[in-house]
Amino acid sequence: MDRSEAHFLEQVNAHRRIIHRIAGLYALDNDARKDLEQETLMQAWRSWPSFRGEAKFSTWLYRICLNTALTWERRPDVVRRAGPQGLPDQADDAPITEGDERQRLHAAMHRLNEVDRALLALHLDGFDHAEAGALLGLTANHVGVKLHRIKGRLTELLRPA
C-alpha cells in the first residue's frame, strides 16, 4: 500500500466532500467550518500511517471526520446554536420558519443530536444501514429505526407554523 504524502493528498482531494459535509453539519459558521475541516485534515494525516486498507479510504475518512467533529463539538470554546449565518437559536421543538428551504433544512439538521446528524450524513452519502451501523456502533435494524425517527423529526421541525 502506498503511504506517500502524494497518495494521501490524492485520496483526500478525491473525498474532500466528506470533510466538507461533516464540517458543515457540526459547525455553524464559515470560520468554524474551516477550522473543523483543518482539524479533520490534521487528524487524518496523523492517522495515515495506521491506515491498513481493510476498509475503503472513504469509510476510514468518514470515521475520522465523525470522531473529530464529535470531539470538536464538545470543546468549550465552540459556538453552539447561533452564528453569523443567522441560524435560529430556537427551542428544540419550535418549527423553523425563516429563510429559504436550504437554510431551513440546514438549521433543522443542526437541531438534531450529534449521533443523528452523523447518521443522516452517512445516509445522504449513500451508506447502507449495515455500513452506517458499523461506523457508529449500531445494528442495521437500529439504523433503520433511527433514520425513520430522524425523518419524522425533520418533518416536524420544517412544518409551517
C-alpha atoms as a PDB file:
ATOM      1  CA  MET A   1       0.000   0.000   0.000  1.00  0.00           C
ATOM      2  CA  ASP A   2       1.278   3.424  -0.986  1.00  0.00           C
ATOM      3  CA  ARG A   3       1.672   5.545   2.176  1.00  0.00           C
ATOM      4  CA  SER A   4       3.262   8.545   0.494  1.00  0.00           C
ATOM      5  CA  GLU A   5       2.170  12.100   1.121  1.00  0.00           C
ATOM      6  CA  ALA A   6       1.196  12.388  -2.554  1.00  0.00           C
ATOM      7  CA  HIS A   7      -1.118   9.363  -2.300  1.00  0.00           C
ATOM      8  CA  PHE A   8      -2.682  10.747   0.875  1.00  0.00           C
ATOM      9  CA  LEU A   9      -3.332  14.125  -0.777  1.00  0.00           C
ATOM     10  CA  GLU A  10      -4.755  12.419  -3.863  1.00  0.00           C
ATOM     11  CA  GLN A  11      -7.188  10.416  -1.723  1.00  0.00           C
ATOM     12  CA  VAL A  12      -8.173  13.412   0.401  1.00  0.00           C
ATOM     13  CA  ASN A  13      -8.807  15.530  -2.696  1.00  0.00           C
ATOM     14  CA  ALA A  14     -10.941  12.765  -4.189  1.00  0.00           C
ATOM     15  CA  HIS A  15     -13.033  12.613  -0.999  1.00  0.00           C
ATOM     16  CA  ARG A  16     -12.961  16.267   0.090  1.00  0.00           C
ATOM     17  CA  ARG A  17     -16.786  16.468   0.014  1.00  0.00           C
ATOM     18  CA  ILE A  18     -16.924  14.104   3.001  1.00  0.00           C
ATOM     19  CA  ILE A  19     -14.858  16.507   5.082  1.00  0.00           C
ATOM     20  CA  HIS A  20     -16.889  19.472   3.882  1.00  0.00           C
ATOM     21  CA  ARG A  21     -20.252  17.781   4.548  1.00  0.00           C
ATOM     22  CA  ILE A  22     -19.396  16.639   8.064  1.00  0.00           C
ATOM     23  CA  ALA A  23     -17.863  20.005   8.972  1.00  0.00           C
ATOM     24  CA  GLY A  24     -20.994  21.716   7.686  1.00  0.00           C
ATOM     25  CA  LEU A  25     -23.178  19.570   9.920  1.00  0.00           C
ATOM     26  CA  TYR A  26     -21.210  20.361  13.068  1.00  0.00           C
ATOM     27  CA  ALA A  27     -20.003  23.944  12.536  1.00  0.00           C
ATOM     28  CA  LEU A  28     -22.471  26.796  12.383  1.00  0.00           C
ATOM     29  CA  ASP A  29     -20.474  29.427  10.517  1.00  0.00           C
ATOM     30  CA  ASN A  30     -17.850  29.508   7.776  1.00  0.00           C
ATOM     31  CA  ASP A  31     -14.918  30.237  10.086  1.00  0.00           C
ATOM     32  CA  ALA A  32     -15.826  27.374  12.402  1.00  0.00           C
ATOM     33  CA  ARG A  33     -16.385  25.067   9.408  1.00  0.00           C
ATOM     34  CA  LYS A  34     -12.931  25.911   8.046  1.00  0.00           C
ATOM     35  CA  ASP A  35     -11.381  25.313  11.472  1.00  0.00           C
ATOM     36  CA  LEU A  36     -13.103  21.937  11.748  1.00  0.00           C
ATOM     37  CA  GLU A  37     -12.044  20.974   8.222  1.00  0.00           C
ATOM     38  CA  GLN A  38      -8.454  21.865   9.077  1.00  0.00           C
ATOM     39  CA  GLU A  39      -8.607  19.891  12.325  1.00  0.00           C
ATOM     40  CA  THR A  40     -10.014  16.914  10.421  1.00  0.00           C
ATOM     41  CA  LEU A  41      -7.223  17.057   7.851  1.00  0.00           C
ATOM     42  CA  MET A  42      -4.637  17.156  10.630  1.00  0.00           C
ATOM     43  CA  GLN A  43      -6.232  14.150  12.335  1.00  0.00           C
ATOM     44  CA  ALA A  44      -6.366  12.249   9.042  1.00  0.00           C
ATOM     45  CA  TRP A  45      -2.702  12.990   8.342  1.00  0.00           C
ATOM     46  CA  ARG A  46      -1.711  11.855  11.849  1.00  0.00           C
ATOM     47  CA  SER A  47      -3.702   8.639  11.357  1.00  0.00           C
ATOM     48  CA  TRP A  48      -2.492   7.968   7.807  1.00  0.00           C
ATOM     49  CA  PRO A  49       0.431   5.719   8.853  1.00  0.00           C
ATOM     50  CA  SER A  50      -2.014   3.414  10.657  1.00  0.00           C
ATOM     51  CA  PHE A  51      -4.453   3.111   7.715  1.00  0.00           C
ATOM     52  CA  ARG A  52      -4.362  -0.582   6.847  1.00  0.00           C
ATOM     53  CA  GLY A  53      -6.625  -0.515   3.816  1.00  0.00           C
ATOM     54  CA  GLU A  54      -9.062  -3.026   5.307  1.00  0.00           C
ATOM     55  CA  ALA A  55     -11.872  -0.551   4.675  1.00  0.00           C
ATOM     56  CA  LYS A  56     -12.333   1.835   1.775  1.00  0.00           C
ATOM     57  CA  PHE A  57     -10.490   5.122   2.172  1.00  0.00           C
ATOM     58  CA  SER A  58     -13.847   6.937   2.196  1.00  0.00           C
ATOM     59  CA  THR A  59     -15.081   4.844   5.122  1.00  0.00           C
ATOM     60  CA  TRP A  60     -11.839   5.411   7.029  1.00  0.00           C
ATOM     61  CA  LEU A  61     -12.035   9.157   6.347  1.00  0.00           C
ATOM     62  CA  TYR A  62     -15.682   9.261   7.430  1.00  0.00           C
ATOM     63  CA  ARG A  63     -14.758   7.718  10.753  1.00  0.00           C
ATOM     64  CA  ILE A  64     -12.010  10.292  11.284  1.00  0.00           C
ATOM     65  CA  CYS A  65     -14.359  13.122  10.266  1.00  0.00           C
ATOM     66  CA  LEU A  66     -17.098  11.996  12.642  1.00  0.00           C
ATOM     67  CA  ASN A  67     -14.753  11.377  15.561  1.00  0.00           C
ATOM     68  CA  THR A  68     -13.055  14.735  15.032  1.00  0.00           C
ATOM     69  CA  ALA A  69     -16.390  16.560  14.721  1.00  0.00           C
ATOM     70  CA  LEU A  70     -17.822  14.938  17.843  1.00  0.00           C
ATOM     71  CA  THR A  71     -14.699  15.751  19.849  1.00  0.00           C
ATOM     72  CA  TRP A  72     -14.530  19.255  18.412  1.00  0.00           C
ATOM     73  CA  GLU A  73     -18.182  19.989  19.196  1.00  0.00           C
ATOM     74  CA  ARG A  74     -17.669  19.134  22.863  1.00  0.00           C
ATOM     75  CA  ARG A  75     -14.882  21.694  23.248  1.00  0.00           C
ATOM     76  CA  PRO A  76     -15.907  24.600  25.491  1.00  0.00           C
ATOM     77  CA  ASP A  77     -14.726  27.248  23.005  1.00  0.00           C
ATOM     78  CA  VAL A  78     -17.029  26.094  20.171  1.00  0.00           C
ATOM     79  CA  VAL A  79     -20.056  28.267  19.328  1.00  0.00           C
ATOM     80  CA  ARG A  80     -23.160  26.132  19.663  1.00  0.00           C
ATOM     81  CA  ARG A  81     -26.505  27.380  18.388  1.00  0.00           C
ATOM     82  CA  ALA A  82     -26.151  30.716  16.656  1.00  0.00           C
ATOM     83  CA  GLY A  83     -23.705  32.248  14.298  1.00  0.00           C
ATOM     84  CA  PRO A  84     -23.151  34.845  11.624  1.00  0.00           C
ATOM     85  CA  GLN A  85     -25.190  32.859   9.098  1.00  0.00           C
ATOM     86  CA  GLY A  86     -28.273  33.584  11.168  1.00  0.00           C
ATOM     87  CA  LEU A  87     -29.220  30.060  12.105  1.00  0.00           C
ATOM     88  CA  PRO A  88     -32.036  30.378  14.588  1.00  0.00           C
ATOM     89  CA  ASP A  89     -31.499  29.849  18.288  1.00  0.00           C
ATOM     90  CA  GLN A  90     -34.931  28.388  18.979  1.00  0.00           C
ATOM     91  CA  ALA A  91     -36.424  25.948  21.419  1.00  0.00           C
ATOM     92  CA  ASP A  92     -35.763  22.391  20.262  1.00  0.00           C
ATOM     93  CA  ASP A  93     -39.429  21.775  19.444  1.00  0.00           C
ATOM     94  CA  ALA A  94     -40.215  25.094  17.736  1.00  0.00           C
ATOM     95  CA  PRO A  95     -40.718  24.885  13.948  1.00  0.00           C
ATOM     96  CA  ILE A  96     -38.101  26.564  11.823  1.00  0.00           C
ATOM     97  CA  THR A  97     -39.820  29.186   9.705  1.00  0.00           C
ATOM     98  CA  GLU A  98     -37.375  31.789   8.394  1.00  0.00           C
ATOM     99  CA  GLY A  99     -35.006  31.551   5.447  1.00  0.00           C
ATOM    100  CA  ASP A 100     -35.008  29.668   2.183  1.00  0.00           C
ATOM    101  CA  GLU A 101     -35.574  25.912   2.052  1.00  0.00           C
ATOM    102  CA  ARG A 102     -31.876  25.024   2.053  1.00  0.00           C
ATOM    103  CA  GLN A 103     -31.148  27.245   5.063  1.00  0.00           C
ATOM    104  CA  ARG A 104     -34.209  25.885   6.874  1.00  0.00           C
ATOM    105  CA  LEU A 105     -33.080  22.299   6.276  1.00  0.00           C
ATOM    106  CA  HIS A 106     -29.542  23.130   7.426  1.00  0.00           C
ATOM    107  CA  ALA A 107     -30.899  24.776  10.583  1.00  0.00           C
ATOM    108  CA  ALA A 108     -33.169  21.776  11.264  1.00  0.00           C
ATOM    109  CA  MET A 109     -30.272  19.356  10.822  1.00  0.00           C
ATOM    110  CA  HIS A 110     -28.252  21.359  13.360  1.00  0.00           C
ATOM    111  CA  ARG A 111     -31.053  20.820  15.864  1.00  0.00           C
ATOM    112  CA  LEU A 112     -30.574  17.032  15.712  1.00  0.00           C
ATOM    113  CA  ASN A 113     -28.316  15.410  18.280  1.00  0.00           C
ATOM    114  CA  GLU A 114     -24.765  14.643  17.210  1.00  0.00           C
ATOM    115  CA  VAL A 115     -25.310  10.934  16.511  1.00  0.00           C
ATOM    116  CA  ASP A 116     -28.445  11.614  14.460  1.00  0.00           C
ATOM    117  CA  ARG A 117     -26.539  14.220  12.406  1.00  0.00           C
ATOM    118  CA  ALA A 118     -23.781  11.692  11.770  1.00  0.00           C
ATOM    119  CA  LEU A 119     -26.269   9.034  10.756  1.00  0.00           C
ATOM    120  CA  LEU A 120     -28.081  11.420   8.448  1.00  0.00           C
ATOM    121  CA  ALA A 121     -24.788  12.388   6.772  1.00  0.00           C
ATOM    122  CA  LEU A 122     -23.945   8.731   6.189  1.00  0.00           C
ATOM    123  CA  HIS A 123     -27.422   8.094   4.769  1.00  0.00           C
ATOM    124  CA  LEU A 124     -27.190  11.107   2.450  1.00  0.00           C
ATOM    125  CA  ASP A 125     -23.825   9.878   1.206  1.00  0.00           C
ATOM    126  CA  GLY A 126     -25.297   6.524   0.243  1.00  0.00           C
ATOM    127  CA  PHE A 127     -24.030   4.287   3.039  1.00  0.00           C
ATOM    128  CA  ASP A 128     -26.396   1.375   3.562  1.00  0.00           C
ATOM    129  CA  HIS A 129     -27.757   0.552   7.015  1.00  0.00           C
ATOM    130  CA  ALA A 130     -25.089  -2.050   7.743  1.00  0.00           C
ATOM    131  CA  GLU A 131     -22.199   0.241   6.730  1.00  0.00           C
ATOM    132  CA  ALA A 132     -23.578   3.196   8.696  1.00  0.00           C
ATOM    133  CA  GLY A 133     -24.193   0.961  11.686  1.00  0.00           C
ATOM    134  CA  ALA A 134     -20.652  -0.396  11.573  1.00  0.00           C
ATOM    135  CA  LEU A 135     -19.260   3.140  11.645  1.00  0.00           C
ATOM    136  CA  LEU A 136     -21.479   4.230  14.529  1.00  0.00           C
ATOM    137  CA  GLY A 137     -21.637   1.013  16.529  1.00  0.00           C
ATOM    138  CA  LEU A 138     -25.302   0.310  15.763  1.00  0.00           C
ATOM    139  CA  THR A 139     -27.111  -2.646  14.234  1.00  0.00           C
ATOM    140  CA  ALA A 140     -28.545  -2.287  10.741  1.00  0.00           C
ATOM    141  CA  ASN A 141     -32.073  -2.544  12.179  1.00  0.00           C
ATOM    142  CA  HIS A 142     -31.371   0.192  14.715  1.00  0.00           C
ATOM    143  CA  VAL A 143     -30.059   2.410  11.897  1.00  0.00           C
ATOM    144  CA  GLY A 144     -33.338   1.895  10.023  1.00  0.00           C
ATOM    145  CA  VAL A 145     -35.400   2.796  13.079  1.00  0.00           C
ATOM    146  CA  LYS A 146     -33.263   5.853  13.835  1.00  0.00           C
ATOM    147  CA  LEU A 147     -33.442   7.088  10.237  1.00  0.00           C
ATOM    148  CA  HIS A 148     -37.234   6.788  10.313  1.00  0.00           C
ATOM    149  CA  ARG A 149     -37.322   8.846  13.516  1.00  0.00           C
ATOM    150  CA  ILE A 150     -34.856  11.400  12.144  1.00  0.00           C
ATOM    151  CA  LYS A 151     -37.025  11.929   9.067  1.00  0.00           C
ATOM    152  CA  GLY A 152     -40.042  12.406  11.321  1.00  0.00           C
ATOM    153  CA  ARG A 153     -38.149  14.896  13.478  1.00  0.00           C
ATOM    154  CA  LEU A 154     -37.039  16.891  10.445  1.00  0.00           C
ATOM    155  CA  THR A 155     -40.607  16.900   9.136  1.00  0.00           C
ATOM    156  CA  GLU A 156     -41.804  18.312  12.480  1.00  0.00           C
ATOM    157  CA  LEU A 157     -39.122  20.989  12.514  1.00  0.00           C
ATOM    158  CA  LEU A 158     -39.832  22.037   8.922  1.00  0.00           C
ATOM    159  CA  ARG A 159     -43.621  22.038   9.238  1.00  0.00           C
ATOM    160  CA  PRO A 160     -45.008  25.547   8.736  1.00  0.00           C
ATOM    161  CA  ALA A 161     -46.045  27.203  11.980  1.00  0.00           C
END
